[in-house]
Structure formats: C-alpha cells, structure tokens
Amino acid sequence: MSLDYIKITSMIMSTLTLILLVISNYFIEKALLKEREKVAKERLNIEDIHQELEALKKRD
C-alpha cells in the first residue's frame, strides 16, 4: 500500500514538474521573442536613418 502511494506521489510530482517546465519555457521564449522583435525594429530604424542620410548626401 505505501509503495503504491510513493509511486503515485512520485508520478504526480514528476507530472507537475514537467508542466511547470513547459509553462516556464513558454514564457521565456515569449520574452526572448519580444527582445528579438525590439532589436529588429531598432535595426530597421537605423537602416532607415542611414538611407535618409545617404539620400541627403547625394542631394547636396
């Protein structure tokens, strides 16, 4: 009886650990994606500014 209880408790704890791992991984990936989007937007802004400066140089 107690061995079955220990097995069931162990399986439940393992399941909960796996669920928490999946959830935390989801939120970490979400945060990393936001950071990558921010970097990409900044890069695009820098490229736009560079193109505008080049256009101004050519116009002068």
Foldseek 3Di string as FASTA:
>chain_A
DVVVVVVVVVVVVVVVVVVVVVVVVVVVVVVVVVVVVVVVVVVVVVVVVVVVVVVVVVVD
